[in-house]
Amino acid sequence: MSDRDDYFARVVPLLGQGLSEAVVSIEQVPLVARVVELLASCMLRKVVVHDPGAATEWPVPELFGLAASGSAPESALSALKRHLAWKNGFAAMEWLREGRGQIHLRGRSIDPGRSPHVQWDESQRTVTLNLVRGDRWSHQNVTCAVARQVRDILLGRCPWPRGTVHHGSRFWPFSESAAPAAPPEQRVIALTGAHVMVVGVGSVGSEVVRLLDGQVGRWTLVDGATVTVFNPYRQWFGTDEIGRRKVEALASRLGASRVRAVPDRVVGASIRLLEELIDASRPHAVLLATGTSDDARIARILRRRRIPHVAAYAYPQARFFEITVVDEGTPCLHCYRGNLFRGLESVTPIPDETASFLYRQPHEGQREELYRNLVAEPATAIDTGRIADVAAMCVGELLAPPADRSGWFRRMLESGTTCLLGGNVVEDRGEGETAYGLTYPGQVVRLGVGDIAGTEDRQVCSACGLSLEVSHRYELPGTDDAAVDAALLE
């Protein structure tokens, strides 16, 4: 069976119809291109373009790797078409010149110092993204939120939002509010000498590499998997790379001289290999994105060597996620494992074997069985993309000198609230309660040393020896703590 046949026989039935019958219209292509890319991962195939000649302005070069390659298509639309054709060479997009979609997307560039915001006009079926010029991180934040909302409106899952939604603030870049707040700090520090190791270059790891490529000088990429027909729609790979080692495909794209590609899974006895890699060329920061228990063993090695690291975990279907940041003086990954009070948990919508199918690499026999059973709708690039955006921001902050880090990140480290819990959905648990206390899709809250649960008065971490006071609480702390942040950051 060819890769193309495999796609239509196995991937399409798993994804379902999605947005294949929807039509979206766009203008200001550079500013809304990422929304289209994310919706394409939900099977969107028809787009009406109102300004096909728009130039390849920010953020198109950074978004599609044109800045590194030096190539510049004649228009932003050409760049978007080329990228989506590379992502999925099996199912072509239909680009229309006339008409108006069920939802119309348009972008506006606003000056630095203003609050990024989105205007939702149900009467005109129009969504206007007001994006701060040059601010890549707020662009990621806003476009992911818009893509999620547009998808759910088109699928009939939710009503239109009302009025204007502001995204991010100086105190917490992942917040949403109806009123403007102090805008997020705009800083992208190019660290050409920085060396980052990524262990696991799947849905989260590969997209973090994509996001940070302009900031990072050297990479060590560790992953033993090959690109499969299931990967390109939510990972930074194209269908022409199916069958290649993931790390080798990324090395070809990033430049072999900048990448140490390690096509191995670090597990069991091969943990020693990771120690040798680190000792041979010490990274400035490490992202752990295997989504397996391997991360816990690797985190011990990094802790002993005092290497800052970020561990990212997706819950089943990427409905919820955790990102833990470990730096000098913070709790380690093991301090939190099984010890944090998170409120009411999600009613897991799929069994463990399905989570294995979606986030790990089962052998071919397992994959065939799971496919035949049509076990679940998998996560889309919108869902895993949110995790990658948050993880990439945290890795980028760790790379910066302490004095140059954003205020929200410094406060997070100083207060010990270094476990970020986020959700792509709101799950109603009854009686006004929601899973993990999250109240809107895309929300990210901080947990830490004040949220340690247990029956004793203190918990002692078996990995780092840190003694943590147990908080005998029965509800999550308030999630709208911008006022507290403001007071602490003044």
Protein backbone atom coordinates (compact mmCIF):
# COMPACT_ATOMS: atom_id res chain seq x y z
CA MET A 1 0.00 0.00 0.00
CA SER A 2 1.39 3.42 -0.95
CA ASP A 3 1.62 6.28 1.55
CA ARG A 4 -1.23 8.00 -0.29
CA ASP A 5 -3.44 4.90 -0.09
CA ASP A 6 -2.47 4.48 3.55
CA TYR A 7 -3.57 8.06 4.27
CA PHE A 8 -7.05 7.62 2.80
CA ALA A 9 -7.51 4.12 4.22
CA ARG A 10 -6.32 4.79 7.75
CA VAL A 11 -5.92 8.46 8.61
CA VAL A 12 -9.05 9.94 7.02
CA PRO A 13 -11.48 7.51 8.73
CA LEU A 14 -9.78 8.21 12.05
CA LEU A 15 -10.05 11.98 11.67
CA GLY A 16 -13.61 11.87 10.40
CA GLN A 17 -15.37 14.52 8.35
CA GLY A 18 -14.23 17.41 10.52
CA LEU A 19 -14.37 20.72 8.64
CA SER A 20 -14.29 19.18 5.17
CA GLU A 21 -17.69 20.70 4.30
CA ALA A 22 -16.92 24.12 5.79
CA VAL A 23 -15.83 27.24 3.89
CA VAL A 24 -13.71 29.96 5.51
CA SER A 25 -12.82 33.27 3.88
CA ILE A 26 -9.73 35.30 4.76
CA GLU A 27 -8.05 38.65 4.22
CA GLN A 28 -4.67 39.91 5.43
CA VAL A 29 -3.20 36.50 4.70
CA PRO A 30 0.07 36.98 6.64
CA LEU A 31 -1.77 37.56 9.93
CA VAL A 32 -4.31 34.74 9.61
CA ALA A 33 -2.15 32.12 7.87
CA ARG A 34 -1.52 30.14 11.04
CA VAL A 35 -5.24 29.95 11.78
CA VAL A 36 -5.75 28.41 8.34
CA GLU A 37 -2.89 25.97 8.95
CA LEU A 38 -4.44 24.84 12.24
CA LEU A 39 -7.92 24.51 10.74
CA ALA A 40 -6.45 22.43 7.91
CA SER A 41 -5.45 19.89 10.56
CA CYS A 42 -9.20 19.61 11.25
CA MET A 43 -9.87 18.72 7.59
CA LEU A 44 -10.68 22.25 6.34
CA ARG A 45 -10.28 22.13 2.57
CA LYS A 46 -12.04 25.23 1.14
CA VAL A 47 -10.72 28.76 1.65
CA VAL A 48 -11.82 31.98 -0.08
CA VAL A 49 -8.91 34.44 -0.32
CA HIS A 50 -9.80 38.13 -0.61
CA ASP A 51 -6.25 39.49 -0.97
CA PRO A 52 -4.25 36.85 -2.88
CA GLY A 53 -1.45 39.29 -3.66
CA ALA A 54 -0.58 40.18 -0.05
CA ALA A 55 3.20 40.35 0.43
CA THR A 56 5.20 37.87 2.51
CA GLU A 57 5.29 40.09 5.57
CA TRP A 58 5.65 39.18 9.24
CA PRO A 59 5.06 36.58 10.53
CA VAL A 60 5.09 34.47 7.35
CA PRO A 61 8.91 34.14 7.02
CA GLU A 62 9.28 32.93 10.61
CA LEU A 63 6.13 30.82 10.49
CA PHE A 64 7.09 28.81 7.41
CA GLY A 65 10.87 28.78 7.76
CA LEU A 66 11.50 31.29 4.99
CA ALA A 67 13.74 33.46 7.18
CA ALA A 68 16.25 30.64 7.59
CA SER A 69 16.08 29.43 4.00
CA GLY A 70 16.37 32.89 2.49
CA SER A 71 13.64 32.04 -0.04
CA ALA A 72 10.74 34.43 -0.47
CA PRO A 73 7.64 33.41 -2.46
CA GLU A 74 5.98 36.15 -4.43
CA SER A 75 3.06 36.36 -1.97
CA ALA A 76 2.00 35.25 1.49
CA LEU A 77 -0.66 33.08 -0.12
CA SER A 78 1.99 31.28 -2.18
CA ALA A 79 3.93 30.57 1.02
CA LEU A 80 0.81 29.26 2.75
CA LYS A 81 -0.13 27.08 -0.22
CA ARG A 82 3.38 25.67 -0.43
CA HIS A 83 3.45 24.90 3.28
CA LEU A 84 0.07 23.15 3.34
CA ALA A 85 0.93 21.15 0.22
CA TRP A 86 4.12 20.05 1.96
CA LYS A 87 2.21 19.13 5.13
CA ASN A 88 -0.34 17.09 3.19
CA GLY A 89 0.52 16.09 -0.34
CA PHE A 90 -2.43 13.68 -0.49
CA ALA A 91 -5.48 15.96 -0.11
CA ALA A 92 -5.31 19.27 -1.95
CA MET A 93 -6.80 22.49 -0.61
CA GLU A 94 -9.36 24.33 -2.74
CA TRP A 95 -8.46 28.03 -3.00
CA LEU A 96 -11.35 30.24 -4.13
CA ARG A 97 -11.28 33.89 -5.24
CA GLU A 98 -14.93 34.88 -4.84
CA GLY A 99 -17.56 34.59 -2.17
CA ARG A 100 -17.62 34.71 1.59
CA GLY A 101 -17.17 31.83 3.96
CA GLN A 102 -19.30 30.69 6.84
CA ILE A 103 -16.76 32.57 8.92
CA HIS A 104 -14.59 35.43 7.64
CA LEU A 105 -11.13 35.89 9.17
CA ARG A 106 -9.19 39.10 8.89
CA GLY A 107 -6.09 40.46 10.57
CA ARG A 108 -4.92 43.87 11.71
CA SER A 109 -1.43 44.81 12.78
CA ILE A 110 -1.29 46.97 15.92
CA ASP A 111 1.62 48.84 17.48
CA PRO A 112 3.72 47.43 20.33
CA GLY A 113 2.39 48.53 23.69
CA ARG A 114 -1.21 47.72 22.82
CA SER A 115 -3.14 44.70 24.04
CA PRO A 116 -3.58 41.90 21.47
CA HIS A 117 -7.28 41.21 21.08
CA VAL A 118 -9.90 39.52 18.94
CA GLN A 119 -13.22 41.03 17.88
CA TRP A 120 -16.06 38.56 17.36
CA ASP A 121 -18.92 39.90 15.23
CA GLU A 122 -21.62 37.25 14.92
CA SER A 123 -23.92 39.49 12.87
CA GLN A 124 -21.28 39.75 10.12
CA ARG A 125 -19.81 36.29 10.78
CA THR A 126 -16.44 38.05 11.03
CA VAL A 127 -13.46 37.49 13.32
CA THR A 128 -10.82 40.23 13.48
CA LEU A 129 -7.40 39.39 14.93
CA ASN A 130 -5.57 42.46 16.26
CA LEU A 131 -1.96 41.31 16.52
CA VAL A 132 1.02 43.18 17.92
CA ARG A 133 3.51 43.66 15.14
CA GLY A 134 6.63 41.52 15.63
CA ASP A 135 5.40 39.71 18.76
CA ARG A 136 5.65 36.03 17.84
CA TRP A 137 4.47 34.70 21.19
CA SER A 138 1.26 36.72 21.38
CA HIS A 139 0.67 35.79 17.74
CA GLN A 140 0.89 32.09 18.66
CA ASN A 141 -1.40 32.62 21.63
CA VAL A 142 -4.09 34.51 19.70
CA THR A 143 -4.09 32.37 16.55
CA CYS A 144 -4.38 29.12 18.50
CA ALA A 145 -7.31 30.51 20.51
CA VAL A 146 -9.06 31.74 17.35
CA ALA A 147 -8.53 28.44 15.52
CA ARG A 148 -9.99 26.49 18.44
CA GLN A 149 -13.03 28.77 18.68
CA VAL A 150 -13.67 28.84 14.92
CA ARG A 151 -13.42 25.05 14.73
CA ASP A 152 -15.93 24.63 17.53
CA ILE A 153 -18.35 27.19 16.06
CA LEU A 154 -18.25 25.50 12.66
CA LEU A 155 -18.81 22.09 14.25
CA GLY A 156 -21.72 23.40 16.32
CA ARG A 157 -19.96 22.78 19.61
CA CYS A 158 -20.25 26.30 21.00
CA PRO A 159 -21.92 29.69 20.38
CA TRP A 160 -20.11 32.79 19.14
CA PRO A 161 -18.15 34.68 21.80
CA ARG A 162 -19.50 38.10 22.63
CA GLY A 163 -17.63 41.27 21.75
CA THR A 164 -13.89 41.56 22.26
CA VAL A 165 -11.50 39.16 23.97
CA HIS A 166 -8.04 40.35 25.07
CA HIS A 167 -5.28 37.76 25.13
CA GLY A 168 -2.36 37.85 27.54
CA SER A 169 -1.09 40.46 29.95
CA ARG A 170 2.20 41.56 31.43
CA PHE A 171 1.42 39.44 34.48
CA TRP A 172 0.36 36.23 32.73
CA PRO A 173 0.80 35.79 28.97
CA PHE A 174 -1.83 33.01 28.73
CA SER A 175 -4.77 34.92 30.22
CA GLU A 176 -8.02 35.97 28.54
CA SER A 177 -10.21 38.89 29.59
CA ALA A 178 -13.02 41.10 28.33
CA ALA A 179 -11.15 44.27 29.28
CA PRO A 180 -7.69 45.34 28.09
CA ALA A 181 -4.82 44.62 30.45
CA ALA A 182 -1.20 45.71 30.58
CA PRO A 183 0.07 44.13 27.33
CA PRO A 184 2.42 41.13 27.42
CA GLU A 185 6.13 41.87 27.43
CA GLN A 186 7.45 41.69 23.91
CA ARG A 187 10.86 40.09 23.84
CA VAL A 188 12.52 37.58 21.56
CA ILE A 189 16.19 37.19 22.37
CA ALA A 190 18.27 35.59 19.63
CA LEU A 191 20.74 33.30 21.39
CA THR A 192 22.90 32.12 18.52
CA GLY A 193 25.23 30.37 20.95
CA ALA A 194 22.44 28.55 22.78
CA HIS A 195 22.34 24.77 22.66
CA VAL A 196 19.01 23.02 23.30
CA MET A 197 18.41 19.30 23.63
CA VAL A 198 14.95 17.94 22.77
CA VAL A 199 14.13 14.38 23.82
CA GLY A 200 11.08 13.32 21.82
CA VAL A 201 10.34 15.22 18.59
CA GLY A 202 6.70 14.32 18.13
CA SER A 203 3.61 16.52 18.35
CA VAL A 204 5.10 18.80 20.99
CA GLY A 205 8.84 18.43 20.51
CA SER A 206 8.96 19.00 16.76
CA GLU A 207 6.75 22.10 17.01
CA VAL A 208 8.90 23.53 19.81
CA VAL A 209 11.91 23.14 17.52
CA ARG A 210 10.00 24.99 14.82
CA LEU A 211 9.09 27.83 17.19
CA LEU A 212 12.55 28.29 18.69
CA ASP A 213 14.67 27.78 15.60
CA GLY A 214 15.27 31.51 15.16
CA GLN A 215 16.51 31.84 18.75
CA VAL A 216 18.67 28.74 19.09
CA GLY A 217 22.10 28.15 17.60
CA ARG A 218 22.54 24.38 18.09
CA TRP A 219 20.26 21.41 18.64
CA THR A 220 20.59 17.90 19.99
CA LEU A 221 17.50 15.96 18.89
CA VAL A 222 16.84 12.54 20.41
CA ASP A 223 14.08 10.27 19.09
CA GLY A 224 14.12 6.76 17.66
CA ALA A 225 10.87 7.03 15.71
CA THR A 226 10.29 7.43 11.99
CA VAL A 227 7.73 9.72 10.37
CA THR A 228 4.48 7.80 9.81
CA VAL A 229 1.40 8.67 7.80
CA PHE A 230 -0.27 9.76 11.04
CA ASN A 231 2.34 12.40 11.93
CA PRO A 232 2.35 15.32 9.47
CA TYR A 233 -1.08 16.71 10.26
CA ARG A 234 -0.01 17.74 13.78
CA GLN A 235 3.79 17.54 13.76
CA TRP A 236 6.46 19.57 11.95
CA PHE A 237 6.87 17.04 9.17
CA GLY A 238 5.61 16.76 5.60
CA THR A 239 4.12 13.79 3.81
CA ASP A 240 7.23 13.56 1.61
CA GLU A 241 9.19 12.72 4.79
CA ILE A 242 7.15 9.62 5.67
CA GLY A 243 9.52 6.75 6.39
CA ARG A 244 12.46 8.96 7.38
CA ARG A 245 13.89 9.13 10.86
CA LYS A 246 12.32 12.12 12.56
CA VAL A 247 15.59 13.52 13.86
CA GLU A 248 17.24 13.16 10.46
CA ALA A 249 14.36 14.91 8.68
CA LEU A 250 14.62 17.81 11.13
CA ALA A 251 18.40 17.93 10.77
CA SER A 252 18.05 18.24 6.99
CA ARG A 253 15.65 21.13 7.41
CA LEU A 254 17.54 22.97 10.15
CA GLY A 255 20.99 22.44 8.68
CA ALA A 256 23.13 19.42 9.51
CA SER A 257 25.93 21.56 10.93
CA ARG A 258 23.59 22.87 13.65
CA VAL A 259 22.05 19.56 14.67
CA ARG A 260 23.31 16.51 16.53
CA ALA A 261 20.70 13.94 15.48
CA VAL A 262 20.38 10.89 17.74
CA PRO A 263 17.95 8.31 16.26
CA ASP A 264 17.49 6.38 19.50
CA ARG A 265 14.90 6.18 22.24
CA VAL A 266 16.48 6.85 25.60
CA VAL A 267 15.16 4.07 27.82
CA GLY A 268 16.58 1.54 30.26
CA ALA A 269 20.24 0.82 29.61
CA SER A 270 20.41 3.51 26.92
CA ILE A 271 19.99 6.19 29.60
CA ARG A 272 23.77 5.99 29.76
CA LEU A 273 23.84 7.22 26.14
CA LEU A 274 22.06 10.39 27.20
CA GLU A 275 24.59 11.01 29.95
CA GLU A 276 27.40 10.65 27.42
CA LEU A 277 25.68 13.07 25.04
CA ILE A 278 25.27 15.65 27.79
CA ASP A 279 28.84 15.29 29.03
CA ALA A 280 30.21 15.57 25.49
CA SER A 281 28.32 18.80 24.80
CA ARG A 282 26.34 20.26 27.68
CA PRO A 283 23.05 21.86 26.57
CA HIS A 284 21.85 25.14 28.03
CA ALA A 285 18.31 23.75 28.36
CA VAL A 286 16.46 20.50 27.69
CA LEU A 287 12.88 19.79 26.64
CA LEU A 288 11.50 16.42 27.71
CA ALA A 289 8.61 15.57 25.40
CA THR A 290 8.43 11.79 25.18
CA GLY A 291 5.16 11.68 27.11
CA THR A 292 6.41 8.53 28.86
CA SER A 293 7.97 7.55 32.18
CA ASP A 294 11.36 7.89 30.48
CA ASP A 295 11.16 11.61 31.20
CA ALA A 296 11.27 10.98 34.94
CA ARG A 297 14.57 9.09 34.74
CA ILE A 298 16.07 11.67 32.41
CA ALA A 299 14.96 14.48 34.74
CA ARG A 300 17.02 12.96 37.56
CA ILE A 301 20.14 13.13 35.37
CA LEU A 302 19.46 16.73 34.42
CA ARG A 303 18.80 17.70 38.03
CA ARG A 304 22.10 16.21 39.17
CA ARG A 305 23.93 18.16 36.47
CA ARG A 306 21.99 21.36 37.19
CA ILE A 307 20.71 21.67 33.64
CA PRO A 308 17.46 23.66 33.33
CA HIS A 309 14.68 21.65 31.75
CA VAL A 310 11.02 21.63 30.81
CA ALA A 311 8.85 18.49 30.85
CA ALA A 312 5.65 18.48 28.80
CA TYR A 313 2.88 15.91 29.19
CA ALA A 314 -0.40 15.62 27.29
CA TYR A 315 -3.36 13.90 28.89
CA PRO A 316 -5.47 11.67 26.56
CA GLN A 317 -6.55 13.48 23.37
CA ALA A 318 -4.53 16.49 24.61
CA ARG A 319 -7.67 17.68 26.39
CA PHE A 320 -5.48 18.72 29.31
CA PHE A 321 -1.74 19.02 29.79
CA GLU A 322 1.05 19.70 32.28
CA ILE A 323 4.28 21.57 31.73
CA THR A 324 6.86 21.58 34.52
CA VAL A 325 9.77 24.01 34.57
CA VAL A 326 12.88 23.08 36.54
CA ASP A 327 15.69 25.56 37.17
CA GLU A 328 18.25 26.19 39.86
CA GLY A 329 16.43 26.48 43.21
CA THR A 330 13.01 25.28 42.02
CA PRO A 331 11.26 22.02 42.93
CA CYS A 332 12.25 19.15 40.66
CA LEU A 333 9.93 17.13 38.45
CA HIS A 334 9.67 14.39 41.10
CA CYS A 335 8.56 16.87 43.77
CA TYR A 336 5.28 17.19 41.89
CA ARG A 337 4.74 13.64 40.61
CA GLY A 338 1.59 12.41 42.34
CA ASN A 339 1.80 15.10 45.00
CA LEU A 340 -0.11 18.06 43.53
CA PHE A 341 -3.71 18.83 44.36
CA ARG A 342 -5.38 19.51 41.01
CA GLY A 343 -9.04 19.58 41.95
CA LEU A 344 -11.56 17.26 40.29
CA GLU A 345 -9.88 15.18 37.62
CA SER A 346 -11.14 14.69 34.10
CA VAL A 347 -13.37 11.73 33.39
CA THR A 348 -10.87 10.13 31.03
CA PRO A 349 -12.70 9.83 27.70
CA ILE A 350 -10.54 7.04 26.32
CA PRO A 351 -8.78 3.97 27.74
CA ASP A 352 -5.06 3.64 28.34
CA GLU A 353 -4.47 1.72 25.14
CA THR A 354 -5.96 4.59 23.15
CA ALA A 355 -3.67 7.08 24.85
CA SER A 356 -0.81 4.80 23.85
CA PHE A 357 -2.04 4.82 20.25
CA LEU A 358 -2.30 8.60 20.12
CA TYR A 359 0.87 9.63 21.92
CA ARG A 360 3.33 6.78 21.69
CA GLN A 361 4.64 4.48 18.99
CA PRO A 362 3.02 1.02 19.32
CA HIS A 363 4.21 -1.81 17.13
CA GLU A 364 2.42 -2.30 13.83
CA GLY A 365 0.16 -5.08 15.08
CA GLN A 366 -1.14 -2.91 17.90
CA ARG A 367 -1.67 0.00 15.53
CA GLU A 368 -3.69 -2.16 13.12
CA GLU A 369 -5.93 -3.43 15.92
CA LEU A 370 -6.51 0.04 17.34
CA TYR A 371 -7.23 1.39 13.89
CA ARG A 372 -9.82 -1.27 13.14
CA ASN A 373 -11.61 -0.44 16.39
CA LEU A 374 -11.66 3.30 15.51
CA VAL A 375 -10.76 3.93 19.13
CA ALA A 376 -11.15 7.70 19.32
CA GLU A 377 -10.89 11.02 17.57
CA PRO A 378 -7.23 12.00 17.98
CA ALA A 379 -5.98 15.38 19.07
CA THR A 380 -5.55 17.98 16.35
CA ALA A 381 -2.70 20.42 15.79
CA ILE A 382 -4.79 23.01 17.65
CA ASP A 383 -4.70 20.92 20.82
CA THR A 384 -1.09 19.77 20.76
CA GLY A 385 -0.07 23.15 19.33
CA ARG A 386 -1.23 24.87 22.51
CA ILE A 387 1.06 22.61 24.52
CA ALA A 388 3.99 23.33 22.20
CA ASP A 389 3.39 27.10 22.39
CA VAL A 390 3.49 27.12 26.20
CA ALA A 391 6.47 24.76 26.38
CA ALA A 392 8.43 26.79 23.82
CA MET A 393 7.84 30.01 25.74
CA CYS A 394 9.18 28.38 28.90
CA VAL A 395 12.27 26.97 27.17
CA GLY A 396 12.93 30.36 25.58
CA GLU A 397 12.72 32.05 28.98
CA LEU A 398 15.12 29.53 30.52
CA LEU A 399 17.66 30.31 27.80
CA ALA A 400 17.65 34.03 28.58
CA PRO A 401 20.00 35.43 31.24
CA PRO A 402 18.05 35.73 34.54
CA ALA A 403 18.03 39.54 34.38
CA ASP A 404 16.54 39.45 30.87
CA ARG A 405 13.69 37.08 31.64
CA SER A 406 10.09 38.28 31.57
CA GLY A 407 8.60 39.41 34.86
CA TRP A 408 5.90 36.73 34.84
CA PHE A 409 8.51 33.99 34.43
CA ARG A 410 10.78 35.34 37.18
CA ARG A 411 7.84 35.51 39.54
CA MET A 412 6.81 31.96 38.62
CA LEU A 413 10.28 30.65 39.51
CA GLU A 414 10.58 32.70 42.70
CA SER A 415 7.17 31.64 44.02
CA GLY A 416 7.72 27.96 43.21
CA THR A 417 4.60 27.78 41.02
CA THR A 418 6.46 25.97 38.26
CA CYS A 419 3.92 23.33 37.26
CA LEU A 420 1.61 24.73 34.59
CA LEU A 421 -1.72 22.96 34.17
CA GLY A 422 -3.70 23.76 31.04
CA GLY A 423 -6.70 22.58 29.12
CA ASN A 424 -8.02 22.69 25.59
CA VAL A 425 -11.57 22.02 26.79
CA VAL A 426 -13.79 22.80 29.75
CA GLU A 427 -15.15 19.61 31.26
CA ASP A 428 -18.26 20.02 33.40
CA ARG A 429 -18.13 17.78 36.47
CA GLY A 430 -21.51 18.86 37.85
CA GLU A 431 -22.59 21.18 40.68
CA GLY A 432 -20.67 24.07 39.17
CA GLU A 433 -17.36 22.18 39.20
CA THR A 434 -15.05 21.73 36.23
CA ALA A 435 -12.15 19.35 35.71
CA TYR A 436 -8.98 20.77 37.27
CA GLY A 437 -10.80 24.04 37.96
CA LEU A 438 -10.26 25.24 34.39
CA THR A 439 -13.06 27.53 33.21
CA TYR A 440 -12.28 28.33 29.55
CA PRO A 441 -10.55 26.45 26.71
CA GLY A 442 -6.87 27.29 26.44
CA GLN A 443 -6.58 28.35 30.07
CA VAL A 444 -3.26 27.77 31.85
CA VAL A 445 -2.89 27.99 35.65
CA ARG A 446 0.12 27.67 37.93
CA LEU A 447 0.54 25.06 40.64
CA GLY A 448 3.49 24.59 42.95
CA VAL A 449 4.79 24.38 46.48
CA GLY A 450 1.53 25.71 47.92
CA ASP A 451 -0.47 22.90 46.32
CA ILE A 452 1.23 19.81 47.76
CA ALA A 453 -1.30 17.18 48.83
CA GLY A 454 -0.87 14.34 51.29
CA THR A 455 -1.85 12.88 54.63
CA GLU A 456 1.27 14.00 56.50
CA ASP A 457 2.34 17.54 57.30
CA ARG A 458 5.33 17.36 54.94
CA GLN A 459 6.44 15.42 51.88
CA VAL A 460 10.13 14.75 51.25
CA CYS A 461 11.09 14.33 47.60
CA SER A 462 12.89 11.04 47.01
CA ALA A 463 14.87 12.54 44.12
CA CYS A 464 16.17 15.88 45.39
CA GLY A 465 15.45 15.68 49.13
CA LEU A 466 13.39 18.87 49.19
CA SER A 467 10.96 18.97 52.11
CA LEU A 468 7.58 20.33 51.01
CA GLU A 469 4.82 21.46 53.34
CA VAL A 470 1.49 19.74 52.67
CA SER A 471 -1.44 22.03 51.99
CA HIS A 472 -4.60 20.43 53.36
CA ARG A 473 -6.90 22.16 50.89
CA TYR A 474 -10.07 21.01 49.26
CA GLU A 475 -10.31 23.48 46.38
CA LEU A 476 -7.96 24.99 43.86
CA PRO A 477 -6.59 28.49 44.43
CA GLY A 478 -8.29 31.28 42.50
CA THR A 479 -7.20 31.28 38.88
CA ASP A 480 -7.73 35.00 38.27
CA ASP A 481 -4.70 36.22 40.18
CA ALA A 482 -3.59 39.09 37.95
CA ALA A 483 -3.98 41.49 40.87
CA VAL A 484 -1.66 39.38 43.03
CA ASP A 485 0.84 39.15 40.19
CA ALA A 486 0.70 42.89 39.68
CA ALA A 487 1.43 43.57 43.33
CA LEU A 488 4.35 41.15 43.38
CA LEU A 489 5.85 42.48 40.17
CA GLU A 490 5.64 46.18 40.95
